[in-house]
PDB file of N, CA and C in Angstrom:
ATOM      1  N   UNK A   1      -5.746 -15.849  -2.248  1.00  0.00           N
ATOM      2  CA  UNK A   1      -6.649 -15.221  -3.185  1.00  0.00           C
ATOM      3  C   UNK A   1      -5.905 -14.846  -4.472  1.00  0.00           C
ATOM      4  N   UNK A   2      -4.706 -14.276  -4.330  1.00  0.00           N
ATOM      5  CA  UNK A   2      -3.937 -13.915  -5.517  1.00  0.00           C
ATOM      6  C   UNK A   2      -3.524 -15.170  -6.265  1.00  0.00           C
ATOM      7  N   UNK A   3      -3.207 -16.232  -5.499  1.00  0.00           N
ATOM      8  CA  UNK A   3      -2.866 -17.486  -6.146  1.00  0.00           C
ATOM      9  C   UNK A   3      -3.966 -17.979  -7.060  1.00  0.00           C
ATOM     10  N   UNK A   4      -5.194 -17.809  -6.614  1.00  0.00           N
ATOM     11  CA  UNK A   4      -6.336 -18.210  -7.429  1.00  0.00           C
ATOM     12  C   UNK A   4      -6.472 -17.299  -8.643  1.00  0.00           C
ATOM     13  N   UNK A   5      -6.294 -15.983  -8.429  1.00  0.00           N
ATOM     14  CA  UNK A   5      -6.402 -15.024  -9.529  1.00  0.00           C
ATOM     15  C   UNK A   5      -5.320 -15.240 -10.578  1.00  0.00           C
ATOM     16  N   UNK A   6      -4.124 -15.635 -10.142  1.00  0.00           N
ATOM     17  CA  UNK A   6      -3.015 -15.859 -11.071  1.00  0.00           C
ATOM     18  C   UNK A   6      -3.041 -17.259 -11.678  1.00  0.00           C
ATOM     19  N   UNK A   7      -3.803 -18.150 -11.083  1.00  0.00           N
ATOM     20  CA  UNK A   7      -3.844 -19.521 -11.564  1.00  0.00           C
ATOM     21  C   UNK A   7      -2.570 -20.278 -11.226  1.00  0.00           C
ATOM     22  N   UNK A   8      -2.079 -20.107  -9.994  1.00  0.00           N
ATOM     23  CA  UNK A   8      -0.838 -20.762  -9.586  1.00  0.00           C
ATOM     24  C   UNK A   8      -1.037 -22.261  -9.408  1.00  0.00           C
ATOM     25  N   UNK A   9       0.000 -23.010  -9.795  1.00  0.00           N
ATOM     26  CA  UNK A   9       0.008 -24.449  -9.564  1.00  0.00           C
ATOM     27  C   UNK A   9       0.338 -24.700  -8.095  1.00  0.00           C
ATOM     28  N   UNK A  10       0.175 -25.921  -7.645  1.00  0.00           N
ATOM     29  CA  UNK A  10       0.432 -26.285  -6.248  1.00  0.00           C
ATOM     30  C   UNK A  10       1.884 -26.020  -5.865  1.00  0.00           C
ATOM     31  N   UNK A  11       2.821 -26.387  -6.749  1.00  0.00           N
ATOM     32  CA  UNK A  11       4.233 -26.151  -6.442  1.00  0.00           C
ATOM     33  C   UNK A  11       4.551 -24.663  -6.374  1.00  0.00           C
ATOM     34  N   UNK A  12       3.888 -23.854  -7.209  1.00  0.00           N
ATOM     35  CA  UNK A  12       4.083 -22.406  -7.151  1.00  0.00           C
ATOM     36  C   UNK A  12       3.523 -21.838  -5.854  1.00  0.00           C
ATOM     37  N   UNK A  13       2.372 -22.341  -5.416  1.00  0.00           N
ATOM     38  CA  UNK A  13       1.791 -21.885  -4.154  1.00  0.00           C
ATOM     39  C   UNK A  13       2.719 -22.178  -2.985  1.00  0.00           C
ATOM     40  N   UNK A  14       3.335 -23.363  -2.996  1.00  0.00           N
ATOM     41  CA  UNK A  14       4.279 -23.712  -1.940  1.00  0.00           C
ATOM     42  C   UNK A  14       5.476 -22.767  -1.939  1.00  0.00           C
ATOM     43  N   UNK A  15       5.979 -22.441  -3.136  1.00  0.00           N
ATOM     44  CA  UNK A  15       7.111 -21.510  -3.238  1.00  0.00           C
ATOM     45  C   UNK A  15       6.731 -20.122  -2.735  1.00  0.00           C
ATOM     46  N   UNK A  16       5.534 -19.668  -3.074  1.00  0.00           N
ATOM     47  CA  UNK A  16       5.076 -18.343  -2.621  1.00  0.00           C
ATOM     48  C   UNK A  16       4.984 -18.307  -1.104  1.00  0.00           C
ATOM     49  N   UNK A  17       4.439 -19.358  -0.520  1.00  0.00           N
ATOM     50  CA  UNK A  17       4.343 -19.412   0.942  1.00  0.00           C
ATOM     51  C   UNK A  17       5.723 -19.363   1.575  1.00  0.00           C
ATOM     52  N   UNK A  18       6.677 -20.061   0.978  1.00  0.00           N
ATOM     53  CA  UNK A  18       8.042 -20.071   1.489  1.00  0.00           C
ATOM     54  C   UNK A  18       8.675 -18.681   1.386  1.00  0.00           C
ATOM     55  N   UNK A  19       8.519 -18.039   0.249  1.00  0.00           N
ATOM     56  CA  UNK A  19       9.080 -16.693   0.044  1.00  0.00           C
ATOM     57  C   UNK A  19       8.436 -15.700   0.997  1.00  0.00           C
ATOM     58  N   UNK A  20       7.129 -15.790   1.172  1.00  0.00           N
ATOM     59  CA  UNK A  20       6.437 -14.882   2.094  1.00  0.00           C
ATOM     60  C   UNK A  20       6.913 -15.103   3.527  1.00  0.00           C
ATOM     61  N   UNK A  21       7.113 -16.362   3.900  1.00  0.00           N
ATOM     62  CA  UNK A  21       7.611 -16.661   5.242  1.00  0.00           C
ATOM     63  C   UNK A  21       8.995 -16.079   5.477  1.00  0.00           C
ATOM     64  N   UNK A  22       9.876 -16.215   4.479  1.00  0.00           N
ATOM     65  CA  UNK A  22      11.226 -15.644   4.597  1.00  0.00           C
ATOM     66  C   UNK A  22      11.156 -14.121   4.680  1.00  0.00           C
ATOM     67  N   UNK A  23      10.240 -13.539   3.915  1.00  0.00           N
ATOM     68  CA  UNK A  23      10.072 -12.075   3.938  1.00  0.00           C
ATOM     69  C   UNK A  23       9.655 -11.605   5.324  1.00  0.00           C
ATOM     70  N   UNK A  24       8.693 -12.289   5.917  1.00  0.00           N
ATOM     71  CA  UNK A  24       8.207 -11.927   7.244  1.00  0.00           C
ATOM     72  C   UNK A  24       9.331 -12.044   8.271  1.00  0.00           C
ATOM     73  N   UNK A  25      10.098 -13.126   8.195  1.00  0.00           N
ATOM     74  CA  UNK A  25      11.209 -13.308   9.132  1.00  0.00           C
ATOM     75  C   UNK A  25      12.247 -12.211   8.985  1.00  0.00           C
ATOM     76  N   UNK A  26      12.595 -11.867   7.746  1.00  0.00           N
ATOM     77  CA  UNK A  26      13.601 -10.832   7.496  1.00  0.00           C
ATOM     78  C   UNK A  26      13.122  -9.474   8.009  1.00  0.00           C
ATOM     79  N   UNK A  27      11.869  -9.147   7.751  1.00  0.00           N
ATOM     80  CA  UNK A  27      11.329  -7.858   8.214  1.00  0.00           C
ATOM     81  C   UNK A  27      11.268  -7.830   9.738  1.00  0.00           C
ATOM     82  N   UNK A  28      10.908  -8.943  10.341  1.00  0.00           N
ATOM     83  CA  UNK A  28      10.874  -9.006  11.808  1.00  0.00           C
ATOM     84  C   UNK A  28      12.268  -8.757  12.390  1.00  0.00           C
ATOM     85  N   UNK A  29      13.293  -9.319  11.767  1.00  0.00           N
ATOM     86  CA  UNK A  29      14.676  -9.080  12.227  1.00  0.00           C
ATOM     87  C   UNK A  29      15.030  -7.604  12.104  1.00  0.00           C
ATOM     88  N   UNK A  30      14.664  -7.009  10.967  1.00  0.00           N
ATOM     89  CA  UNK A  30      14.996  -5.597  10.735  1.00  0.00           C
ATOM     90  C   UNK A  30      14.293  -4.684  11.732  1.00  0.00           C
ATOM     91  N   UNK A  31      13.021  -4.954  11.959  1.00  0.00           N
ATOM     92  CA  UNK A  31      12.214  -4.088  12.823  1.00  0.00           C
ATOM     93  C   UNK A  31      12.641  -4.198  14.285  1.00  0.00           C
ATOM     94  N   UNK A  32      13.077  -5.377  14.685  1.00  0.00           N
ATOM     95  CA  UNK A  32      13.446  -5.582  16.089  1.00  0.00           C
ATOM     96  C   UNK A  32      14.942  -5.412  16.340  1.00  0.00           C
ATOM     97  N   UNK A  33      15.687  -4.936  15.347  1.00  0.00           N
ATOM     98  CA  UNK A  33      17.137  -4.794  15.483  1.00  0.00           C
ATOM     99  C   UNK A  33      17.532  -3.600  16.350  1.00  0.00           C
ATOM    100  N   UNK A  34      16.591  -2.718  16.623  1.00  0.00           N
ATOM    101  CA  UNK A  34      16.889  -1.569  17.473  1.00  0.00           C
ATOM    102  C   UNK A  34      17.376  -0.347  16.713  1.00  0.00           C
ATOM    103  N   UNK A  35      17.320  -0.392  15.389  1.00  0.00           N
ATOM    104  CA  UNK A  35      17.727   0.773  14.601  1.00  0.00           C
ATOM    105  C   UNK A  35      16.562   1.745  14.471  1.00  0.00           C
ATOM    106  N   UNK A  36      16.880   2.965  14.131  1.00  0.00           N
ATOM    107  CA  UNK A  36      15.862   3.996  13.968  1.00  0.00           C
ATOM    108  C   UNK A  36      15.081   3.762  12.678  1.00  0.00           C
ATOM    109  N   UNK A  37      13.874   4.316  12.648  1.00  0.00           N
ATOM    110  CA  UNK A  37      12.950   4.113  11.531  1.00  0.00           C
ATOM    111  C   UNK A  37      13.575   4.485  10.195  1.00  0.00           C
ATOM    112  N   UNK A  38      14.269   5.621  10.139  1.00  0.00           N
ATOM    113  CA  UNK A  38      14.833   6.079   8.869  1.00  0.00           C
ATOM    114  C   UNK A  38      15.914   5.146   8.336  1.00  0.00           C
ATOM    115  N   UNK A  39      16.502   4.322   9.195  1.00  0.00           N
ATOM    116  CA  UNK A  39      17.487   3.323   8.764  1.00  0.00           C
ATOM    117  C   UNK A  39      16.800   2.021   8.355  1.00  0.00           C
ATOM    118  N   UNK A  40      15.695   1.687   9.032  1.00  0.00           N
ATOM    119  CA  UNK A  40      15.016   0.411   8.812  1.00  0.00           C
ATOM    120  C   UNK A  40      14.136   0.458   7.563  1.00  0.00           C
ATOM    121  N   UNK A  41      13.455   1.569   7.324  1.00  0.00           N
ATOM    122  CA  UNK A  41      12.489   1.645   6.223  1.00  0.00           C
ATOM    123  C   UNK A  41      13.096   1.286   4.876  1.00  0.00           C
ATOM    124  N   UNK A  42      14.258   1.823   4.486  1.00  0.00           N
ATOM    125  CA  UNK A  42      14.812   1.424   3.182  1.00  0.00           C
ATOM    126  C   UNK A  42      15.136  -0.074   3.105  1.00  0.00           C
ATOM    127  N   UNK A  43      15.558  -0.643   4.225  1.00  0.00           N
ATOM    128  CA  UNK A  43      15.864  -2.078   4.243  1.00  0.00           C
ATOM    129  C   UNK A  43      14.590  -2.908   4.092  1.00  0.00           C
ATOM    130  N   UNK A  44      13.510  -2.470   4.740  1.00  0.00           N
ATOM    131  CA  UNK A  44      12.230  -3.173   4.610  1.00  0.00           C
ATOM    132  C   UNK A  44      11.720  -3.054   3.179  1.00  0.00           C
ATOM    133  N   UNK A  45      11.828  -1.861   2.596  1.00  0.00           N
ATOM    134  CA  UNK A  45      11.405  -1.672   1.209  1.00  0.00           C
ATOM    135  C   UNK A  45      12.203  -2.575   0.270  1.00  0.00           C
ATOM    136  N   UNK A  46      13.506  -2.689   0.507  1.00  0.00           N
ATOM    137  CA  UNK A  46      14.351  -3.558  -0.314  1.00  0.00           C
ATOM    138  C   UNK A  46      13.942  -5.020  -0.161  1.00  0.00           C
ATOM    139  N   UNK A  47      13.635  -5.419   1.064  1.00  0.00           N
ATOM    140  CA  UNK A  47      13.196  -6.797   1.308  1.00  0.00           C
ATOM    141  C   UNK A  47      11.892  -7.078   0.585  1.00  0.00           C
ATOM    142  N   UNK A  48      10.960  -6.137   0.628  1.00  0.00           N
ATOM    143  CA  UNK A  48       9.694  -6.312  -0.085  1.00  0.00           C
ATOM    144  C   UNK A  48       9.931  -6.435  -1.588  1.00  0.00           C
ATOM    145  N   UNK A  49      10.799  -5.581  -2.123  1.00  0.00           N
ATOM    146  CA  UNK A  49      11.112  -5.629  -3.553  1.00  0.00           C
ATOM    147  C   UNK A  49      11.771  -6.936  -3.950  1.00  0.00           C
ATOM    148  N   UNK A  50      12.716  -7.401  -3.126  1.00  0.00           N
ATOM    149  CA  UNK A  50      13.388  -8.672  -3.408  1.00  0.00           C
ATOM    150  C   UNK A  50      12.395  -9.830  -3.400  1.00  0.00           C
ATOM    151  N   UNK A  51      11.488  -9.805  -2.434  1.00  0.00           N
ATOM    152  CA  UNK A  51      10.489 -10.873  -2.349  1.00  0.00           C
ATOM    153  C   UNK A  51       9.599 -10.878  -3.585  1.00  0.00           C
ATOM    154  N   UNK A  52       9.182  -9.693  -4.008  1.00  0.00           N
ATOM    155  CA  UNK A  52       8.344  -9.583  -5.202  1.00  0.00           C
ATOM    156  C   UNK A  52       9.099 -10.110  -6.417  1.00  0.00           C
ATOM    157  N   UNK A  53      10.382  -9.752  -6.534  1.00  0.00           N
ATOM    158  CA  UNK A  53      11.189 -10.211  -7.669  1.00  0.00           C
ATOM    159  C   UNK A  53      11.335 -11.729  -7.660  1.00  0.00           C
ATOM    160  N   UNK A  54      11.566 -12.306  -6.482  1.00  0.00           N
ATOM    161  CA  UNK A  54      11.695 -13.766  -6.386  1.00  0.00           C
ATOM    162  C   UNK A  54      10.394 -14.460  -6.776  1.00  0.00           C
ATOM    163  N   UNK A  55       9.273 -13.882  -6.378  1.00  0.00           N
ATOM    164  CA  UNK A  55       7.984 -14.471  -6.756  1.00  0.00           C
ATOM    165  C   UNK A  55       7.769 -14.351  -8.259  1.00  0.00           C
ATOM    166  N   UNK A  56       8.142 -13.214  -8.824  1.00  0.00           N
ATOM    167  CA  UNK A  56       7.942 -12.993 -10.255  1.00  0.00           C
ATOM    168  C   UNK A  56       8.801 -13.937 -11.092  1.00  0.00           C
ATOM    169  N   UNK A  57       9.976 -14.324 -10.582  1.00  0.00           N
ATOM    170  CA  UNK A  57      10.864 -15.220 -11.317  1.00  0.00           C
ATOM    171  C   UNK A  57      10.247 -16.592 -11.547  1.00  0.00           C
ATOM    172  N   UNK A  58       9.423 -17.048 -10.635  1.00  0.00           N
ATOM    173  CA  UNK A  58       8.861 -18.395 -10.745  1.00  0.00           C
ATOM    174  C   UNK A  58       7.554 -18.429 -11.537  1.00  0.00           C
ATOM    175  N   UNK A  59       7.067 -17.269 -11.949  1.00  0.00           N
ATOM    176  CA  UNK A  59       5.794 -17.194 -12.663  1.00  0.00           C
ATOM    177  C   UNK A  59       6.002 -17.291 -14.173  1.00  0.00           C
ATOM    178  N   UNK A  60       4.958 -17.700 -14.866  1.00  0.00           N
ATOM    179  CA  UNK A  60       4.983 -17.671 -16.321  1.00  0.00           C
ATOM    180  C   UNK A  60       4.771 -16.228 -16.772  1.00  0.00           C
ATOM    181  N   UNK A  61       5.008 -15.975 -18.039  1.00  0.00           N
ATOM    182  CA  UNK A  61       4.827 -14.606 -18.560  1.00  0.00           C
ATOM    183  C   UNK A  61       3.398 -14.110 -18.363  1.00  0.00           C
ATOM    184  N   UNK A  62       2.456 -14.977 -18.626  1.00  0.00           N
ATOM    185  CA  UNK A  62       1.038 -14.610 -18.460  1.00  0.00           C
ATOM    186  C   UNK A  62       0.745 -14.258 -17.005  1.00  0.00           C
ATOM    187  N   UNK A  63       1.286 -15.047 -16.090  1.00  0.00           N
ATOM    188  CA  UNK A  63       1.072 -14.800 -14.663  1.00  0.00           C
ATOM    189  C   UNK A  63       1.743 -13.494 -14.231  1.00  0.00           C
ATOM    190  N   UNK A  64       2.924 -13.193 -14.784  1.00  0.00           N
ATOM    191  CA  UNK A  64       3.627 -11.945 -14.443  1.00  0.00           C
ATOM    192  C   UNK A  64       2.801 -10.748 -14.899  1.00  0.00           C
ATOM    193  N   UNK A  65       2.254 -10.813 -16.101  1.00  0.00           N
ATOM    194  CA  UNK A  65       1.425  -9.714 -16.604  1.00  0.00           C
ATOM    195  C   UNK A  65       0.187  -9.525 -15.729  1.00  0.00           C
ATOM    196  N   UNK A  66      -0.424 -10.622 -15.347  1.00  0.00           N
ATOM    197  CA  UNK A  66      -1.612 -10.549 -14.487  1.00  0.00           C
ATOM    198  C   UNK A  66      -1.248  -9.974 -13.126  1.00  0.00           C
ATOM    199  N   UNK A  67      -0.074 -10.360 -12.594  1.00  0.00           N
ATOM    200  CA  UNK A  67       0.384  -9.838 -11.309  1.00  0.00           C
ATOM    201  C   UNK A  67       0.608  -8.332 -11.372  1.00  0.00           C
ATOM    202  N   UNK A  68       1.178  -7.859 -12.472  1.00  0.00           N
ATOM    203  CA  UNK A  68       1.388  -6.409 -12.633  1.00  0.00           C
ATOM    204  C   UNK A  68       0.053  -5.668 -12.633  1.00  0.00           C
ATOM    205  N   UNK A  69      -0.952  -6.256 -13.271  1.00  0.00           N
ATOM    206  CA  UNK A  69      -2.290  -5.646 -13.273  1.00  0.00           C
ATOM    207  C   UNK A  69      -2.862  -5.595 -11.861  1.00  0.00           C
ATOM    208  N   UNK A  70      -2.691  -6.694 -11.124  1.00  0.00           N
ATOM    209  CA  UNK A  70      -3.230  -6.761  -9.768  1.00  0.00           C
ATOM    210  C   UNK A  70      -2.489  -5.825  -8.823  1.00  0.00           C
ATOM    211  N   UNK A  71      -1.202  -5.658  -9.068  1.00  0.00           N
ATOM    212  CA  UNK A  71      -0.376  -4.820  -8.189  1.00  0.00           C
ATOM    213  C   UNK A  71      -0.816  -3.362  -8.265  1.00  0.00           C
ATOM    214  N   UNK A  72      -1.185  -2.902  -9.437  1.00  0.00           N
ATOM    215  CA  UNK A  72      -1.672  -1.537  -9.584  1.00  0.00           C
ATOM    216  C   UNK A  72      -0.551  -0.521  -9.614  1.00  0.00           C
ATOM    217  N   UNK A  73      -0.937   0.734  -9.551  1.00  0.00           N
ATOM    218  CA  UNK A  73       0.026   1.832  -9.604  1.00  0.00           C
ATOM    219  C   UNK A  73       0.615   2.085  -8.228  1.00  0.00           C
ATOM    220  N   UNK A  74       1.824   2.614  -8.225  1.00  0.00           N
ATOM    221  CA  UNK A  74       2.492   2.970  -6.973  1.00  0.00           C
ATOM    222  C   UNK A  74       1.832   4.210  -6.378  1.00  0.00           C
ATOM    223  N   UNK A  75       1.854   4.300  -5.063  1.00  0.00           N
ATOM    224  CA  UNK A  75       1.320   5.472  -4.397  1.00  0.00           C
ATOM    225  C   UNK A  75       2.251   6.654  -4.599  1.00  0.00           C
ATOM    226  N   UNK A  76       1.684   7.828  -4.699  1.00  0.00           N
ATOM    227  CA  UNK A  76       2.461   9.038  -4.889  1.00  0.00           C
ATOM    228  C   UNK A  76       2.644   9.712  -3.538  1.00  0.00           C
ATOM    229  N   UNK A  77       3.851  10.157  -3.268  1.00  0.00           N
ATOM    230  CA  UNK A  77       4.142  10.854  -2.017  1.00  0.00           C
ATOM    231  C   UNK A  77       3.650  12.294  -2.152  1.00  0.00           C
ATOM    232  N   UNK A  78       2.435  12.553  -1.685  1.00  0.00           N
ATOM    233  CA  UNK A  78       1.862  13.892  -1.838  1.00  0.00           C
ATOM    234  C   UNK A  78       2.555  14.915  -0.944  1.00  0.00           C
ATOM    235  N   UNK A  79       3.211  14.453   0.112  1.00  0.00           N
ATOM    236  CA  UNK A  79       3.907  15.382   0.992  1.00  0.00           C
ATOM    237  C   UNK A  79       5.094  16.019   0.281  1.00  0.00           C
ATOM    238  N   UNK A  80       5.650  15.307  -0.702  1.00  0.00           N
ATOM    239  CA  UNK A  80       6.815  15.824  -1.415  1.00  0.00           C
ATOM    240  C   UNK A  80       6.422  16.756  -2.557  1.00  0.00           C
ATOM    241  N   UNK A  81       5.150  16.766  -2.915  1.00  0.00           N
ATOM    242  CA  UNK A  81       4.701  17.605  -4.011  1.00  0.00           C
ATOM    243  C   UNK A  81       4.339  19.003  -3.509  1.00  0.00           C
ATOM    244  N   UNK A  82       4.484  19.976  -4.403  1.00  0.00           N
ATOM    245  CA  UNK A  82       4.067  21.328  -4.059  1.00  0.00           C
ATOM    246  C   UNK A  82       2.555  21.397  -4.203  1.00  0.00           C
ATOM    247  N   UNK A  83       1.927  22.005  -3.226  1.00  0.00           N
ATOM    248  CA  UNK A  83       0.475  22.056  -3.196  1.00  0.00           C
ATOM    249  C   UNK A  83       0.017  23.502  -3.299  1.00  0.00           C
ATOM    250  N   UNK A  84      -1.005  23.726  -4.101  1.00  0.00           N
ATOM    251  CA  UNK A  84      -1.629  25.030  -4.210  1.00  0.00           C
ATOM    252  C   UNK A  84      -2.884  24.998  -3.346  1.00  0.00           C
ATOM    253  N   UNK A  85      -2.835  25.615  -2.150  1.00  0.00           N
ATOM    254  CA  UNK A  85      -3.994  25.530  -1.250  1.00  0.00           C
ATOM    255  C   UNK A  85      -5.278  26.068  -1.861  1.00  0.00           C
ATOM    256  N   UNK A  86      -5.179  27.062  -2.713  1.00  0.00           N
ATOM    257  CA  UNK A  86      -6.371  27.629  -3.329  1.00  0.00           C
ATOM    258  C   UNK A  86      -7.062  26.658  -4.262  1.00  0.00           C
ATOM    259  N   UNK A  87      -6.293  25.781  -4.909  1.00  0.00           N
ATOM    260  CA  UNK A  87      -6.872  24.819  -5.846  1.00  0.00           C
ATOM    261  C   UNK A  87      -7.731  23.796  -5.119  1.00  0.00           C
ATOM    262  N   UNK A  88      -7.388  23.487  -3.891  1.00  0.00           N
ATOM    263  CA  UNK A  88      -8.146  22.486  -3.137  1.00  0.00           C
ATOM    264  C   UNK A  88      -9.550  22.980  -2.810  1.00  0.00           C
ATOM    265  N   UNK A  89      -9.734  24.274  -2.713  1.00  0.00           N
ATOM    266  CA  UNK A  89     -11.047  24.820  -2.375  1.00  0.00           C
ATOM    267  C   UNK A  89     -12.067  24.560  -3.471  1.00  0.00           C
ATOM    268  N   UNK A  90     -11.614  24.418  -4.700  1.00  0.00           N
ATOM    269  CA  UNK A  90     -12.530  24.136  -5.801  1.00  0.00           C
ATOM    270  C   UNK A  90     -13.085  22.720  -5.725  1.00  0.00           C
ATOM    271  N   UNK A  91     -12.356  21.829  -5.066  1.00  0.00           N
ATOM    272  CA  UNK A  91     -12.734  20.428  -5.013  1.00  0.00           C
ATOM    273  C   UNK A  91     -13.639  20.123  -3.832  1.00  0.00           C
ATOM    274  N   UNK A  92     -13.596  20.932  -2.782  1.00  0.00           N
ATOM    275  CA  UNK A  92     -14.355  20.672  -1.562  1.00  0.00           C
ATOM    276  C   UNK A  92     -15.849  20.849  -1.846  1.00  0.00           C
ATOM    277  N   UNK A  93     -16.636  19.819  -1.565  1.00  0.00           N
ATOM    278  CA  UNK A  93     -18.072  19.939  -1.806  1.00  0.00           C
ATOM    279  C   UNK A  93     -18.716  20.909  -0.815  1.00  0.00           C
ATOM    280  N   UNK A  94     -19.763  21.509  -1.243  1.00  0.00           N
ATOM    281  CA  UNK A  94     -20.490  22.436  -0.372  1.00  0.00           C
ATOM    282  C   UNK A  94     -21.215  21.650   0.709  1.00  0.00           C
ATOM    283  N   UNK A  95     -21.173  22.154   1.935  1.00  0.00           N
ATOM    284  CA  UNK A  95     -21.836  21.492   3.059  1.00  0.00           C
ATOM    285  C   UNK A  95     -23.346  21.656   2.908  1.00  0.00           C
ATOM    286  N   UNK A  96     -24.112  20.647   3.303  1.00  0.00           N
ATOM    287  CA  UNK A  96     -25.569  20.761   3.170  1.00  0.00           C
ATOM    288  C   UNK A  96     -26.156  21.791   4.139  1.00  0.00           C
ATOM    289  N   UNK A  97     -25.412  22.101   5.205  1.00  0.00           N
ATOM    290  CA  UNK A  97     -25.874  23.082   6.187  1.00  0.00           C
ATOM    291  C   UNK A  97     -24.797  24.143   6.356  1.00  0.00           C
ATOM    292  N   UNK A  98     -25.167  25.353   6.697  1.00  0.00           N
ATOM    293  CA  UNK A  98     -24.166  26.407   6.904  1.00  0.00           C
ATOM    294  C   UNK A  98     -23.225  26.029   8.058  1.00  0.00           C
ATOM    295  N   UNK A  99     -21.946  26.268   7.865  1.00  0.00           N
ATOM    296  CA  UNK A  99     -20.954  25.876   8.879  1.00  0.00           C
ATOM    297  C   UNK A  99     -21.097  26.671  10.168  1.00  0.00           C
ATOM    298  N   UNK A 100     -21.689  27.847  10.110  1.00  0.00           N
ATOM    299  CA  UNK A 100     -21.842  28.630  11.337  1.00  0.00           C
ATOM    300  C   UNK A 100     -22.845  27.998  12.300  1.00  0.00           C
ATOM    301  N   UNK A 101     -23.624  27.019  11.813  1.00  0.00           N
ATOM    302  CA  UNK A 101     -24.568  26.320  12.680  1.00  0.00           C
ATOM    303  C   UNK A 101     -23.921  25.137  13.403  1.00  0.00           C
ATOM    304  N   UNK A 102     -22.696  24.806  13.061  1.00  0.00           N
ATOM    305  CA  UNK A 102     -22.021  23.663  13.670  1.00  0.00           C
ATOM    306  C   UNK A 102     -21.873  23.888  15.169  1.00  0.00           C
ATOM    307  N   UNK A 103     -22.268  22.900  15.945  1.00  0.00           N
ATOM    308  CA  UNK A 103     -22.142  22.974  17.395  1.00  0.00           C
ATOM    309  C   UNK A 103     -23.370  23.513  18.099  1.00  0.00           C
ATOM    310  N   UNK A 104     -24.378  23.929  17.357  1.00  0.00           N
ATOM    311  CA  UNK A 104     -25.605  24.432  17.978  1.00  0.00           C
ATOM    312  C   UNK A 104     -26.620  23.302  18.104  1.00  0.00           C
ATOM    313  N   UNK A 105     -27.456  23.399  19.117  1.00  0.00           N
ATOM    314  CA  UNK A 105     -28.556  22.445  19.266  1.00  0.00           C
ATOM    315  C   UNK A 105     -29.680  22.817  18.318  1.00  0.00           C
ATOM    316  N   UNK A 106     -30.510  21.836  18.010  1.00  0.00           N
ATOM    317  CA  UNK A 106     -31.567  22.095  17.041  1.00  0.00           C
ATOM    318  C   UNK A 106     -32.537  23.182  17.506  1.00  0.00           C
ATOM    319  N   UNK A 107     -32.780  23.277  18.818  1.00  0.00           N
ATOM    320  CA  UNK A 107     -33.693  24.321  19.288  1.00  0.00           C
ATOM    321  C   UNK A 107     -33.060  25.717  19.139  1.00  0.00           C
ATOM    322  N   UNK A 108     -31.727  25.782  19.145  1.00  0.00           N
ATOM    323  CA  UNK A 108     -31.069  27.066  18.949  1.00  0.00           C
ATOM    324  C   UNK A 108     -31.146  27.491  17.482  1.00  0.00           C
ATOM    325  N   UNK A 109     -31.120  26.517  16.580  1.00  0.00           N
ATOM    326  CA  UNK A 109     -31.208  26.807  15.170  1.00  0.00           C
ATOM    327  C   UNK A 109     -32.616  27.280  14.798  1.00  0.00           C
ATOM    328  N   UNK A 110     -33.637  26.629  15.421  1.00  0.00           N
ATOM    329  CA  UNK A 110     -35.012  27.012  15.121  1.00  0.00           C
ATOM    330  C   UNK A 110     -35.267  28.387  15.652  1.00  0.00           C
TER     331      UNK A 110
END
């Protein structure tokens, strides 16, 4: 699907398939190596980044720009951010029914 969106040529599609296959094999080796998650995750992230870089190298400038648009923004680690619990209450929508009725049967409510 991305190949179609980027307008990849047949030879580029073959290269992408090859790079993706190597990426899958490398990640499979890392995941099954028996190391703990905290050791494996940075290696998997590096493998993903390397694969993306290799794919970007074979693209034209126009295709690279389009790929960046398709890739979107990086996710933010909300667990690492300081959270103001009181601020979240302003965002929570009001329930259509009073919460004290939760768990009651309809005949009990009537």
